Amino acid sequence: MKNPLTNDLDLELKNWHTCTRCQLHTYRTQVVLGSGNFTDPKIMIIGQAPEKIEDKKGKPFISKVSWHLDQALKTTKIDREKDCYMTNSIACRSWIPWRNENVPPSMTSIHHCRKRLLIEYNKIKNSLRAIVLVGKEAYIAWHLYDQINKPSFNPNRIRMTNITGWSKGIDDIKTYTLYHPSYIAKENSAEIAKKWLDNWVEISSSVFPERFS
């Protein structure tokens, strides 16, 4: 599949390369937009934020921890390039340079990057069968955007155990939330990894029932 950023029809996305809407532009190498099937994907996967290697190469979900995602997709009969369009809740690396440490994206960054996320979504939504939200920040960006700027909103109160599974999404496209692969890598637990794989089986069997018949 051609990268959408090489197509003159996608000028609106190209303009995000020079985005300065939040402070993350100060330390980024480049803006990381989506990759995969940009024509007729069946699944849109939304993660948290680019990591170091992704910031360097300009492609989401290629870090070491993304190995867990690639394995889950292969095991559950989902083709990363043909079936999926992958992106993140924010398009710049969220990190502390002087500590060389990645940190969860701020609500400010999620707020400012939501327009870019919707541009990507609107270009592919007609073919989508499901949206997969990988991690709490993706869930917030997709489901709780209108609450982010409220003084009472506290993202720390959101627990993955309470939001994992299917939910109703934008345009009635079904949405599934599950843990980020970085959590699977960090915990290094066979039990947690199996539950995570079971989540992907549930997603794949729902989106592609014909592959499991």
N, C-alpha and C. Protein backbone atom coordinates (compact mmCIF):
# COMPACT_ATOMS: atom_id res chain seq x y z
N MET A 1 0.83 -1.20 0.00
CA MET A 1 0.00 0.00 0.00
C MET A 1 0.88 1.26 0.00
N LYS A 2 0.48 2.25 -0.77
CA LYS A 2 1.23 3.50 -0.79
C LYS A 2 1.00 4.26 0.51
N ASN A 3 2.05 4.89 0.98
CA ASN A 3 1.90 5.76 2.14
C ASN A 3 1.06 6.96 1.74
N PRO A 4 0.01 7.29 2.52
CA PRO A 4 -0.87 8.40 2.15
C PRO A 4 -0.15 9.73 2.02
N LEU A 5 1.00 9.85 2.68
CA LEU A 5 1.69 11.13 2.66
C LEU A 5 2.42 11.39 1.34
N THR A 6 2.45 10.39 0.46
CA THR A 6 3.08 10.58 -0.84
C THR A 6 2.06 10.99 -1.89
N ASN A 7 0.82 11.09 -1.49
CA ASN A 7 -0.26 11.40 -2.42
C ASN A 7 -0.68 12.85 -2.26
N ASP A 8 -0.71 13.58 -3.37
CA ASP A 8 -1.06 14.99 -3.29
C ASP A 8 -2.48 15.22 -2.79
N LEU A 9 -3.34 14.20 -2.90
CA LEU A 9 -4.71 14.33 -2.43
C LEU A 9 -4.78 14.42 -0.91
N ASP A 10 -3.70 14.06 -0.25
CA ASP A 10 -3.69 14.04 1.20
C ASP A 10 -2.89 15.21 1.79
N LEU A 11 -3.04 16.36 1.17
CA LEU A 11 -2.34 17.56 1.62
C LEU A 11 -2.71 17.91 3.06
N GLU A 12 -3.96 17.63 3.43
CA GLU A 12 -4.40 17.96 4.77
C GLU A 12 -3.60 17.22 5.83
N LEU A 13 -3.23 15.99 5.54
CA LEU A 13 -2.39 15.23 6.46
C LEU A 13 -0.94 15.68 6.39
N LYS A 14 -0.48 16.02 5.20
CA LYS A 14 0.91 16.46 5.06
C LYS A 14 1.20 17.69 5.92
N ASN A 15 0.22 18.54 6.08
CA ASN A 15 0.41 19.76 6.86
C ASN A 15 0.73 19.47 8.32
N TRP A 16 0.40 18.29 8.79
CA TRP A 16 0.68 17.96 10.19
C TRP A 16 2.16 17.71 10.45
N HIS A 17 2.94 17.60 9.40
CA HIS A 17 4.39 17.43 9.58
C HIS A 17 5.01 18.63 10.29
N THR A 18 4.39 19.78 10.18
CA THR A 18 4.94 21.00 10.79
C THR A 18 4.10 21.47 11.99
N CYS A 19 3.33 20.55 12.55
CA CYS A 19 2.45 20.91 13.67
C CYS A 19 3.24 21.42 14.88
N THR A 20 2.74 22.52 15.47
CA THR A 20 3.34 23.08 16.69
C THR A 20 2.26 23.33 17.75
N ARG A 21 1.20 22.54 17.70
CA ARG A 21 0.05 22.78 18.58
C ARG A 21 0.34 22.49 20.05
N CYS A 22 1.27 21.59 20.34
CA CYS A 22 1.65 21.34 21.73
C CYS A 22 3.17 21.31 21.83
N GLN A 23 3.68 21.23 23.04
CA GLN A 23 5.12 21.36 23.28
C GLN A 23 5.94 20.17 22.76
N LEU A 24 5.30 19.08 22.40
CA LEU A 24 6.05 17.90 21.95
C LEU A 24 6.82 18.14 20.66
N HIS A 25 6.43 19.15 19.89
CA HIS A 25 7.14 19.42 18.64
C HIS A 25 8.59 19.85 18.91
N THR A 26 8.86 20.33 20.11
CA THR A 26 10.19 20.86 20.44
C THR A 26 11.27 19.79 20.35
N TYR A 27 10.93 18.56 20.75
CA TYR A 27 11.95 17.52 20.85
C TYR A 27 11.75 16.36 19.86
N ARG A 28 10.76 16.43 19.01
CA ARG A 28 10.53 15.30 18.11
C ARG A 28 11.53 15.28 16.96
N THR A 29 11.71 14.11 16.37
CA THR A 29 12.46 14.01 15.12
C THR A 29 11.52 14.26 13.95
N GLN A 30 10.33 13.68 14.04
CA GLN A 30 9.33 13.88 13.00
C GLN A 30 7.95 13.50 13.53
N VAL A 31 6.92 13.94 12.83
CA VAL A 31 5.55 13.56 13.14
C VAL A 31 5.32 12.17 12.57
N VAL A 32 4.73 11.29 13.38
CA VAL A 32 4.49 9.91 12.95
C VAL A 32 3.00 9.72 12.69
N LEU A 33 2.64 9.65 11.42
CA LEU A 33 1.25 9.44 11.05
C LEU A 33 1.01 7.94 10.81
N GLY A 34 -0.17 7.60 10.32
CA GLY A 34 -0.55 6.20 10.22
C GLY A 34 0.14 5.45 9.11
N SER A 35 0.03 4.11 9.17
CA SER A 35 0.58 3.25 8.13
C SER A 35 -0.31 2.03 7.99
N GLY A 36 -0.09 1.31 6.89
CA GLY A 36 -0.89 0.12 6.62
C GLY A 36 -1.77 0.32 5.42
N ASN A 37 -2.94 -0.28 5.45
CA ASN A 37 -3.90 -0.17 4.35
C ASN A 37 -4.65 1.15 4.48
N PHE A 38 -4.39 2.07 3.57
CA PHE A 38 -5.03 3.38 3.62
C PHE A 38 -6.21 3.46 2.64
N THR A 39 -6.50 2.35 1.97
CA THR A 39 -7.56 2.33 0.97
C THR A 39 -8.86 1.75 1.51
N ASP A 40 -8.78 0.51 2.00
CA ASP A 40 -9.99 -0.14 2.50
C ASP A 40 -9.69 -1.07 3.68
N PRO A 41 -9.10 -0.56 4.76
CA PRO A 41 -8.82 -1.40 5.92
C PRO A 41 -10.10 -1.83 6.62
N LYS A 42 -10.05 -2.96 7.28
CA LYS A 42 -11.19 -3.43 8.06
C LYS A 42 -11.05 -3.08 9.54
N ILE A 43 -9.82 -2.88 9.97
CA ILE A 43 -9.56 -2.56 11.38
C ILE A 43 -8.66 -1.33 11.47
N MET A 44 -9.05 -0.37 12.29
CA MET A 44 -8.19 0.77 12.61
C MET A 44 -7.65 0.55 14.02
N ILE A 45 -6.34 0.48 14.15
CA ILE A 45 -5.70 0.28 15.44
C ILE A 45 -5.11 1.61 15.90
N ILE A 46 -5.55 2.06 17.07
CA ILE A 46 -5.08 3.33 17.63
C ILE A 46 -4.30 3.05 18.91
N GLY A 47 -3.03 3.44 18.93
CA GLY A 47 -2.19 3.23 20.10
C GLY A 47 -2.02 4.49 20.92
N GLN A 48 -0.92 4.53 21.66
CA GLN A 48 -0.69 5.62 22.59
C GLN A 48 0.11 6.76 21.95
N ALA A 49 1.38 6.49 21.64
CA ALA A 49 2.29 7.51 21.10
C ALA A 49 3.49 6.83 20.47
N PRO A 50 4.15 7.50 19.54
CA PRO A 50 5.37 6.92 18.95
C PRO A 50 6.47 6.77 20.01
N GLU A 51 7.27 5.72 19.86
CA GLU A 51 8.44 5.55 20.71
C GLU A 51 9.69 5.99 19.95
N LYS A 52 10.87 5.74 20.51
CA LYS A 52 12.10 6.27 19.95
C LYS A 52 12.32 5.85 18.50
N ILE A 53 12.25 4.55 18.22
CA ILE A 53 12.50 4.06 16.87
C ILE A 53 11.42 4.54 15.91
N GLU A 54 10.21 4.69 16.40
CA GLU A 54 9.10 5.15 15.56
C GLU A 54 9.25 6.64 15.24
N ASP A 55 9.73 7.39 16.21
CA ASP A 55 10.04 8.81 16.01
C ASP A 55 11.15 8.96 14.97
N LYS A 56 12.08 8.03 14.95
CA LYS A 56 13.20 8.09 14.02
C LYS A 56 12.80 7.69 12.60
N LYS A 57 11.98 6.62 12.49
CA LYS A 57 11.66 6.07 11.18
C LYS A 57 10.31 6.51 10.63
N GLY A 58 9.48 7.13 11.47
CA GLY A 58 8.22 7.68 10.99
C GLY A 58 7.11 6.68 10.76
N LYS A 59 7.14 5.54 11.46
CA LYS A 59 6.11 4.51 11.29
C LYS A 59 5.68 4.00 12.67
N PRO A 60 4.38 3.89 12.91
CA PRO A 60 3.90 3.43 14.22
C PRO A 60 4.04 1.92 14.42
N PHE A 61 4.12 1.53 15.67
CA PHE A 61 4.13 0.12 16.06
C PHE A 61 5.26 -0.68 15.42
N ILE A 62 6.48 -0.18 15.53
CA ILE A 62 7.65 -0.93 15.04
C ILE A 62 8.71 -1.07 16.13
N SER A 63 8.39 -0.67 17.35
CA SER A 63 9.35 -0.79 18.45
C SER A 63 9.44 -2.25 18.89
N LYS A 64 10.35 -2.55 19.79
CA LYS A 64 10.54 -3.93 20.26
C LYS A 64 9.27 -4.49 20.90
N VAL A 65 8.57 -3.67 21.67
CA VAL A 65 7.38 -4.18 22.35
C VAL A 65 6.27 -4.49 21.34
N SER A 66 6.34 -3.91 20.15
CA SER A 66 5.31 -4.17 19.14
C SER A 66 5.42 -5.58 18.58
N TRP A 67 6.48 -6.29 18.93
CA TRP A 67 6.60 -7.70 18.55
C TRP A 67 5.40 -8.48 19.07
N HIS A 68 4.95 -8.13 20.27
CA HIS A 68 3.80 -8.81 20.86
C HIS A 68 2.53 -8.57 20.02
N LEU A 69 2.41 -7.37 19.50
CA LEU A 69 1.26 -7.06 18.64
C LEU A 69 1.35 -7.84 17.33
N ASP A 70 2.52 -7.86 16.72
CA ASP A 70 2.69 -8.58 15.46
C ASP A 70 2.38 -10.06 15.62
N GLN A 71 2.83 -10.65 16.72
CA GLN A 71 2.57 -12.06 16.97
C GLN A 71 1.09 -12.32 17.17
N ALA A 72 0.42 -11.43 17.88
CA ALA A 72 -1.02 -11.59 18.13
C ALA A 72 -1.79 -11.51 16.82
N LEU A 73 -1.41 -10.57 15.95
CA LEU A 73 -2.10 -10.43 14.67
C LEU A 73 -1.91 -11.68 13.80
N LYS A 74 -0.70 -12.17 13.75
CA LYS A 74 -0.43 -13.37 12.95
C LYS A 74 -1.21 -14.57 13.48
N THR A 75 -1.22 -14.71 14.79
CA THR A 75 -1.89 -15.85 15.41
C THR A 75 -3.40 -15.82 15.20
N THR A 76 -3.96 -14.63 15.13
CA THR A 76 -5.41 -14.49 15.01
C THR A 76 -5.87 -14.17 13.58
N LYS A 77 -5.00 -14.45 12.62
CA LYS A 77 -5.34 -14.37 11.20
C LYS A 77 -5.67 -12.95 10.74
N ILE A 78 -4.99 -11.97 11.32
CA ILE A 78 -5.14 -10.58 10.90
C ILE A 78 -3.85 -10.16 10.19
N ASP A 79 -3.97 -9.69 8.96
CA ASP A 79 -2.82 -9.25 8.18
C ASP A 79 -2.56 -7.77 8.48
N ARG A 80 -1.41 -7.48 9.03
CA ARG A 80 -1.09 -6.11 9.45
C ARG A 80 -1.19 -5.12 8.30
N GLU A 81 -0.69 -5.45 7.15
CA GLU A 81 -0.64 -4.51 6.03
C GLU A 81 -1.93 -4.47 5.22
N LYS A 82 -2.61 -5.59 5.08
CA LYS A 82 -3.82 -5.65 4.25
C LYS A 82 -5.10 -5.35 5.02
N ASP A 83 -5.15 -5.77 6.28
CA ASP A 83 -6.38 -5.64 7.06
C ASP A 83 -6.43 -4.38 7.92
N CYS A 84 -5.27 -3.80 8.23
CA CYS A 84 -5.22 -2.78 9.28
C CYS A 84 -4.69 -1.43 8.80
N TYR A 85 -5.17 -0.40 9.46
CA TYR A 85 -4.56 0.92 9.40
C TYR A 85 -4.17 1.26 10.84
N MET A 86 -2.89 1.57 11.07
CA MET A 86 -2.38 1.79 12.41
C MET A 86 -1.95 3.23 12.62
N THR A 87 -2.31 3.77 13.76
CA THR A 87 -1.90 5.13 14.11
C THR A 87 -1.87 5.25 15.63
N ASN A 88 -1.69 6.46 16.15
CA ASN A 88 -1.63 6.68 17.59
C ASN A 88 -2.53 7.84 18.01
N SER A 89 -2.82 7.90 19.30
CA SER A 89 -3.64 8.99 19.82
C SER A 89 -2.92 10.33 19.67
N ILE A 90 -1.59 10.32 19.73
CA ILE A 90 -0.80 11.51 19.39
C ILE A 90 0.27 11.11 18.39
N ALA A 91 0.73 12.06 17.60
CA ALA A 91 1.62 11.75 16.48
C ALA A 91 3.08 12.10 16.75
N CYS A 92 3.40 12.58 17.95
CA CYS A 92 4.79 12.90 18.29
C CYS A 92 5.21 12.11 19.53
N ARG A 93 6.48 11.81 19.61
CA ARG A 93 6.99 11.07 20.76
C ARG A 93 6.80 11.88 22.03
N SER A 94 6.30 11.24 23.06
CA SER A 94 6.09 11.88 24.35
C SER A 94 7.18 11.39 25.30
N TRP A 95 8.18 12.26 25.53
CA TRP A 95 9.31 11.81 26.35
C TRP A 95 9.97 12.98 27.06
N ILE A 96 10.83 12.64 28.03
CA ILE A 96 11.61 13.64 28.76
C ILE A 96 13.06 13.51 28.28
N PRO A 97 13.53 14.42 27.43
CA PRO A 97 14.85 14.28 26.80
C PRO A 97 16.00 14.14 27.78
N TRP A 98 16.02 14.94 28.84
CA TRP A 98 17.16 14.91 29.75
C TRP A 98 17.20 13.63 30.59
N ARG A 99 16.09 12.87 30.57
CA ARG A 99 16.07 11.56 31.24
C ARG A 99 15.96 10.42 30.23
N ASN A 100 15.81 10.79 28.95
CA ASN A 100 15.63 9.80 27.87
C ASN A 100 14.56 8.78 28.24
N GLU A 101 13.43 9.29 28.70
CA GLU A 101 12.37 8.43 29.20
C GLU A 101 11.03 8.76 28.53
N ASN A 102 10.38 7.74 28.01
CA ASN A 102 9.05 7.93 27.46
C ASN A 102 8.04 8.10 28.59
N VAL A 103 7.07 8.96 28.39
CA VAL A 103 6.02 9.19 29.38
C VAL A 103 4.66 9.16 28.68
N PRO A 104 3.59 8.85 29.41
CA PRO A 104 2.26 8.88 28.79
C PRO A 104 1.96 10.27 28.25
N PRO A 105 1.29 10.35 27.13
CA PRO A 105 0.96 11.67 26.57
C PRO A 105 0.04 12.45 27.49
N SER A 106 0.22 13.75 27.53
CA SER A 106 -0.62 14.61 28.35
C SER A 106 -1.99 14.76 27.72
N MET A 107 -2.96 15.18 28.52
CA MET A 107 -4.30 15.42 28.00
C MET A 107 -4.28 16.59 27.01
N THR A 108 -3.36 17.51 27.22
CA THR A 108 -3.22 18.64 26.28
C THR A 108 -2.81 18.16 24.90
N SER A 109 -1.84 17.26 24.86
CA SER A 109 -1.39 16.72 23.57
C SER A 109 -2.48 15.91 22.89
N ILE A 110 -3.19 15.09 23.68
CA ILE A 110 -4.28 14.30 23.12
C ILE A 110 -5.36 15.21 22.56
N HIS A 111 -5.65 16.29 23.28
CA HIS A 111 -6.66 17.24 22.84
C HIS A 111 -6.27 17.87 21.50
N HIS A 112 -5.05 18.34 21.39
CA HIS A 112 -4.62 19.04 20.18
C HIS A 112 -4.47 18.09 18.98
N CYS A 113 -4.19 16.81 19.26
CA CYS A 113 -3.94 15.87 18.17
C CYS A 113 -5.21 15.16 17.72
N ARG A 114 -6.32 15.40 18.39
CA ARG A 114 -7.57 14.71 18.05
C ARG A 114 -8.03 15.04 16.63
N LYS A 115 -7.83 16.27 16.19
CA LYS A 115 -8.24 16.65 14.84
C LYS A 115 -7.49 15.81 13.81
N ARG A 116 -6.20 15.63 14.00
CA ARG A 116 -5.40 14.81 13.09
C ARG A 116 -5.91 13.36 13.09
N LEU A 117 -6.23 12.84 14.26
CA LEU A 117 -6.74 11.48 14.37
C LEU A 117 -8.06 11.32 13.60
N LEU A 118 -8.91 12.32 13.70
CA LEU A 118 -10.19 12.26 12.98
C LEU A 118 -10.01 12.40 11.48
N ILE A 119 -9.00 13.15 11.04
CA ILE A 119 -8.73 13.25 9.60
C ILE A 119 -8.38 11.86 9.07
N GLU A 120 -7.52 11.15 9.79
CA GLU A 120 -7.15 9.80 9.38
C GLU A 120 -8.37 8.88 9.37
N TYR A 121 -9.14 8.96 10.44
CA TYR A 121 -10.33 8.12 10.56
C TYR A 121 -11.33 8.38 9.44
N ASN A 122 -11.61 9.64 9.16
CA ASN A 122 -12.61 9.98 8.16
C ASN A 122 -12.24 9.52 6.75
N LYS A 123 -10.96 9.35 6.50
CA LYS A 123 -10.52 8.91 5.19
C LYS A 123 -10.71 7.41 4.98
N ILE A 124 -10.89 6.66 6.06
CA ILE A 124 -10.98 5.20 5.94
C ILE A 124 -12.24 4.61 6.55
N LYS A 125 -13.07 5.42 7.18
CA LYS A 125 -14.17 4.90 7.99
C LYS A 125 -15.18 4.06 7.21
N ASN A 126 -15.35 4.33 5.94
CA ASN A 126 -16.38 3.63 5.17
C ASN A 126 -16.10 2.14 5.01
N SER A 127 -14.86 1.74 5.15
CA SER A 127 -14.52 0.32 4.99
C SER A 127 -14.33 -0.39 6.33
N LEU A 128 -14.33 0.35 7.43
CA LEU A 128 -14.00 -0.22 8.72
C LEU A 128 -15.10 -1.14 9.27
N ARG A 129 -14.65 -2.23 9.86
CA ARG A 129 -15.54 -3.12 10.58
C ARG A 129 -15.37 -2.97 12.09
N ALA A 130 -14.21 -2.47 12.51
CA ALA A 130 -13.96 -2.29 13.95
C ALA A 130 -12.79 -1.34 14.15
N ILE A 131 -12.78 -0.73 15.33
CA ILE A 131 -11.66 0.10 15.78
C ILE A 131 -11.11 -0.53 17.05
N VAL A 132 -9.80 -0.68 17.12
CA VAL A 132 -9.16 -1.28 18.28
C VAL A 132 -8.35 -0.20 18.99
N LEU A 133 -8.68 0.05 20.24
CA LEU A 133 -7.99 1.05 21.06
C LEU A 133 -6.99 0.35 21.96
N VAL A 134 -5.71 0.61 21.71
CA VAL A 134 -4.65 -0.10 22.42
C VAL A 134 -4.09 0.79 23.53
N GLY A 135 -4.58 0.58 24.74
CA GLY A 135 -4.12 1.36 25.89
C GLY A 135 -5.11 2.42 26.33
N LYS A 136 -4.92 2.89 27.55
CA LYS A 136 -5.85 3.85 28.16
C LYS A 136 -5.90 5.17 27.43
N GLU A 137 -4.75 5.65 26.96
CA GLU A 137 -4.72 6.95 26.29
C GLU A 137 -5.52 6.92 24.99
N ALA A 138 -5.46 5.80 24.29
CA ALA A 138 -6.25 5.66 23.07
C ALA A 138 -7.74 5.68 23.40
N TYR A 139 -8.12 5.03 24.49
CA TYR A 139 -9.50 5.02 24.93
C TYR A 139 -9.98 6.44 25.25
N ILE A 140 -9.14 7.19 25.95
CA ILE A 140 -9.48 8.57 26.30
C ILE A 140 -9.63 9.42 25.04
N ALA A 141 -8.68 9.30 24.12
CA ALA A 141 -8.71 10.09 22.89
C ALA A 141 -9.97 9.81 22.08
N TRP A 142 -10.43 8.58 22.10
CA TRP A 142 -11.56 8.20 21.26
C TRP A 142 -12.91 8.40 21.94
N HIS A 143 -13.00 7.99 23.20
CA HIS A 143 -14.29 7.98 23.88
C HIS A 143 -14.54 9.18 24.81
N LEU A 144 -13.47 9.76 25.34
CA LEU A 144 -13.64 10.77 26.39
C LEU A 144 -13.11 12.14 25.99
N TYR A 145 -12.96 12.36 24.70
CA TYR A 145 -12.38 13.61 24.23
C TYR A 145 -13.10 14.84 24.77
N ASP A 146 -14.43 14.78 24.84
CA ASP A 146 -15.21 15.94 25.27
C ASP A 146 -15.11 16.21 26.76
N GLN A 147 -14.45 15.31 27.49
CA GLN A 147 -14.29 15.48 28.94
C GLN A 147 -12.89 15.94 29.35
N ILE A 148 -11.94 15.86 28.43
CA ILE A 148 -10.53 16.10 28.75
C ILE A 148 -10.30 17.45 29.42
N ASN A 149 -10.95 18.50 28.93
CA ASN A 149 -10.69 19.84 29.43
C ASN A 149 -11.53 20.22 30.65
N LYS A 150 -12.33 19.31 31.13
CA LYS A 150 -13.13 19.59 32.32
C LYS A 150 -12.26 19.48 33.57
N PRO A 151 -12.38 20.43 34.52
CA PRO A 151 -11.55 20.41 35.73
C PRO A 151 -11.71 19.11 36.53
N SER A 152 -12.87 18.49 36.44
CA SER A 152 -13.12 17.28 37.22
C SER A 152 -12.55 16.01 36.59
N PHE A 153 -12.06 16.13 35.34
CA PHE A 153 -11.57 14.93 34.66
C PHE A 153 -10.21 14.50 35.20
N ASN A 154 -10.12 13.24 35.60
CA ASN A 154 -8.87 12.69 36.13
C ASN A 154 -8.58 11.36 35.44
N PRO A 155 -7.62 11.34 34.50
CA PRO A 155 -7.33 10.11 33.76
C PRO A 155 -6.84 8.98 34.65
N ASN A 156 -6.29 9.32 35.81
CA ASN A 156 -5.77 8.29 36.71
C ASN A 156 -6.88 7.44 37.32
N ARG A 157 -8.10 7.90 37.22
CA ARG A 157 -9.22 7.13 37.76
C ARG A 157 -9.69 6.03 36.80
N ILE A 158 -9.20 6.09 35.57
CA ILE A 158 -9.61 5.11 34.57
C ILE A 158 -8.73 3.87 34.70
N ARG A 159 -9.36 2.72 34.84
CA ARG A 159 -8.65 1.46 34.99
C ARG A 159 -8.91 0.59 33.76
N MET A 160 -7.84 0.02 33.23
CA MET A 160 -7.97 -0.82 32.05
C MET A 160 -8.91 -2.00 32.31
N THR A 161 -8.92 -2.52 33.51
CA THR A 161 -9.78 -3.65 33.81
C THR A 161 -11.26 -3.30 33.64
N ASN A 162 -11.57 -2.00 33.73
CA ASN A 162 -12.97 -1.57 33.60
C ASN A 162 -13.38 -1.21 32.18
N ILE A 163 -12.40 -1.04 31.30
CA ILE A 163 -12.73 -0.59 29.95
C ILE A 163 -12.38 -1.60 28.87
N THR A 164 -11.73 -2.70 29.24
CA THR A 164 -11.36 -3.71 28.26
C THR A 164 -12.61 -4.38 27.69
N GLY A 165 -12.64 -4.53 26.37
CA GLY A 165 -13.76 -5.19 25.71
C GLY A 165 -14.45 -4.31 24.69
N TRP A 166 -15.60 -4.76 24.23
CA TRP A 166 -16.35 -4.04 23.19
C TRP A 166 -17.12 -2.85 23.75
N SER A 167 -17.24 -1.82 22.94
CA SER A 167 -18.07 -0.67 23.27
C SER A 167 -18.58 -0.05 21.96
N LYS A 168 -19.57 0.80 22.09
CA LYS A 168 -20.12 1.47 20.92
C LYS A 168 -19.26 2.68 20.60
N GLY A 169 -18.87 2.82 19.34
CA GLY A 169 -17.97 3.90 18.98
C GLY A 169 -18.61 4.94 18.09
N ILE A 170 -17.79 5.79 17.51
CA ILE A 170 -18.25 6.83 16.59
C ILE A 170 -18.85 6.17 15.35
N ASP A 171 -19.93 6.75 14.83
CA ASP A 171 -20.59 6.25 13.63
C ASP A 171 -21.04 4.79 13.79
N ASP A 172 -21.27 4.38 15.03
CA ASP A 172 -21.73 3.02 15.34
C ASP A 172 -20.76 1.93 14.90
N ILE A 173 -19.50 2.30 14.68
CA ILE A 173 -18.49 1.29 14.38
C ILE A 173 -18.03 0.69 15.72
N LYS A 174 -18.16 -0.61 15.84
CA LYS A 174 -17.84 -1.24 17.11
C LYS A 174 -16.37 -1.05 17.45
N THR A 175 -16.12 -0.90 18.74
CA THR A 175 -14.80 -0.54 19.23
C THR A 175 -14.38 -1.48 20.35
N TYR A 176 -13.12 -1.90 20.31
CA TYR A 176 -12.60 -2.82 21.32
C TYR A 176 -11.38 -2.19 21.98
N THR A 177 -11.36 -2.20 23.30
CA THR A 177 -10.22 -1.65 24.05
C THR A 177 -9.47 -2.78 24.73
N LEU A 178 -8.14 -2.74 24.66
CA LEU A 178 -7.31 -3.73 25.34
C LEU A 178 -5.97 -3.10 25.71
N TYR A 179 -5.17 -3.84 26.46
CA TYR A 179 -3.89 -3.32 26.93
C TYR A 179 -2.93 -3.03 25.77
N HIS A 180 -2.01 -2.11 26.02
CA HIS A 180 -0.95 -1.80 25.08
C HIS A 180 0.10 -2.91 25.13
N PRO A 181 0.75 -3.24 24.00
CA PRO A 181 1.78 -4.28 24.03
C PRO A 181 2.93 -3.99 24.99
N SER A 182 3.17 -2.72 25.31
CA SER A 182 4.24 -2.40 26.27
C SER A 182 3.92 -2.97 27.65
N TYR A 183 2.63 -3.05 27.98
CA TYR A 183 2.23 -3.65 29.26
C TYR A 183 2.49 -5.15 29.25
N ILE A 184 2.22 -5.80 28.14
CA ILE A 184 2.47 -7.23 28.02
C ILE A 184 3.96 -7.52 28.15
N ALA A 185 4.78 -6.68 27.52
CA ALA A 185 6.23 -6.85 27.59
C ALA A 185 6.74 -6.59 29.00
N LYS A 186 6.21 -5.57 29.66
CA LYS A 186 6.66 -5.21 31.00
C LYS A 186 6.32 -6.28 32.03
N GLU A 187 5.11 -6.79 31.96
CA GLU A 187 4.67 -7.78 32.94
C GLU A 187 5.33 -9.13 32.73
N ASN A 188 5.61 -9.47 31.47
CA ASN A 188 6.28 -10.73 31.15
C ASN A 188 5.61 -11.92 31.85
N SER A 189 4.31 -11.96 31.75
CA SER A 189 3.51 -13.00 32.40
C SER A 189 2.79 -13.83 31.35
N ALA A 190 2.94 -15.14 31.44
CA ALA A 190 2.29 -16.03 30.49
C ALA A 190 0.77 -15.91 30.59
N GLU A 191 0.28 -15.72 31.80
CA GLU A 191 -1.16 -15.61 32.01
C GLU A 191 -1.71 -14.33 31.37
N ILE A 192 -1.02 -13.22 31.59
CA ILE A 192 -1.45 -11.94 31.02
C ILE A 192 -1.35 -11.98 29.49
N ALA A 193 -0.27 -12.57 28.98
CA ALA A 193 -0.09 -12.67 27.53
C ALA A 193 -1.20 -13.51 26.90
N LYS A 194 -1.61 -14.57 27.59
CA LYS A 194 -2.69 -15.42 27.07
C LYS A 194 -4.02 -14.66 27.04
N LYS A 195 -4.30 -13.91 28.09
CA LYS A 195 -5.54 -13.13 28.14
C LYS A 195 -5.56 -12.09 27.03
N TRP A 196 -4.38 -11.50 26.79
CA TRP A 196 -4.26 -10.49 25.72
C TRP A 196 -4.49 -11.11 24.36
N LEU A 197 -3.94 -12.31 24.17
CA LEU A 197 -4.15 -13.03 22.91
C LEU A 197 -5.62 -13.41 22.76
N ASP A 198 -6.26 -13.79 23.85
CA ASP A 198 -7.69 -14.11 23.82
C ASP A 198 -8.51 -12.89 23.38
N ASN A 199 -8.07 -11.70 23.82
CA ASN A 199 -8.74 -10.47 23.38
C ASN A 199 -8.67 -10.34 21.86
N TRP A 200 -7.51 -10.62 21.31
CA TRP A 200 -7.34 -10.51 19.86
C TRP A 200 -8.12 -11.59 19.10
N VAL A 201 -8.25 -12.76 19.70
CA VAL A 201 -9.09 -13.80 19.09
C VAL A 201 -10.53 -13.32 19.03
N GLU A 202 -10.98 -12.68 20.11
CA GLU A 202 -12.35 -12.15 20.15
C GLU A 202 -12.55 -11.09 19.08
N ILE A 203 -11.55 -10.23 18.91
CA ILE A 203 -11.62 -9.19 17.88
C ILE A 203 -11.68 -9.80 16.49
N SER A 204 -10.72 -10.66 16.21
CA SER A 204 -10.60 -11.23 14.87
C SER A 204 -11.80 -12.08 14.49
N SER A 205 -12.29 -12.89 15.42
CA SER A 205 -13.43 -13.75 15.12
C SER A 205 -14.70 -12.95 14.88
N SER A 206 -14.77 -11.75 15.48
CA SER A 206 -15.92 -10.88 15.27
C SER A 206 -15.82 -10.13 13.94
N VAL A 207 -14.62 -9.66 13.62
CA VAL A 207 -14.41 -8.88 12.40
C VAL A 207 -14.35 -9.78 11.17
N PHE A 208 -13.72 -10.94 11.32
CA PHE A 208 -13.54 -11.87 10.20
C PHE A 208 -14.12 -13.25 10.54
N PRO A 209 -15.42 -13.36 10.74
CA PRO A 209 -16.01 -14.65 11.11
C PRO A 209 -15.75 -15.72 10.04
N GLU A 210 -15.62 -15.28 8.79
CA GLU A 210 -15.40 -16.23 7.71
C GLU A 210 -14.06 -16.95 7.83
N ARG A 211 -13.11 -16.36 8.53
CA ARG A 211 -11.80 -16.98 8.70
C ARG A 211 -11.79 -18.00 9.83
N PHE A 212 -12.85 -18.05 10.60
CA PHE A 212 -12.91 -18.96 11.73
C PHE A 212 -14.01 -20.01 11.55
N SER A 213 -14.59 -20.05 10.38
CA SER A 213 -15.68 -21.01 10.13
C SER A 213 -15.10 -22.37 9.75
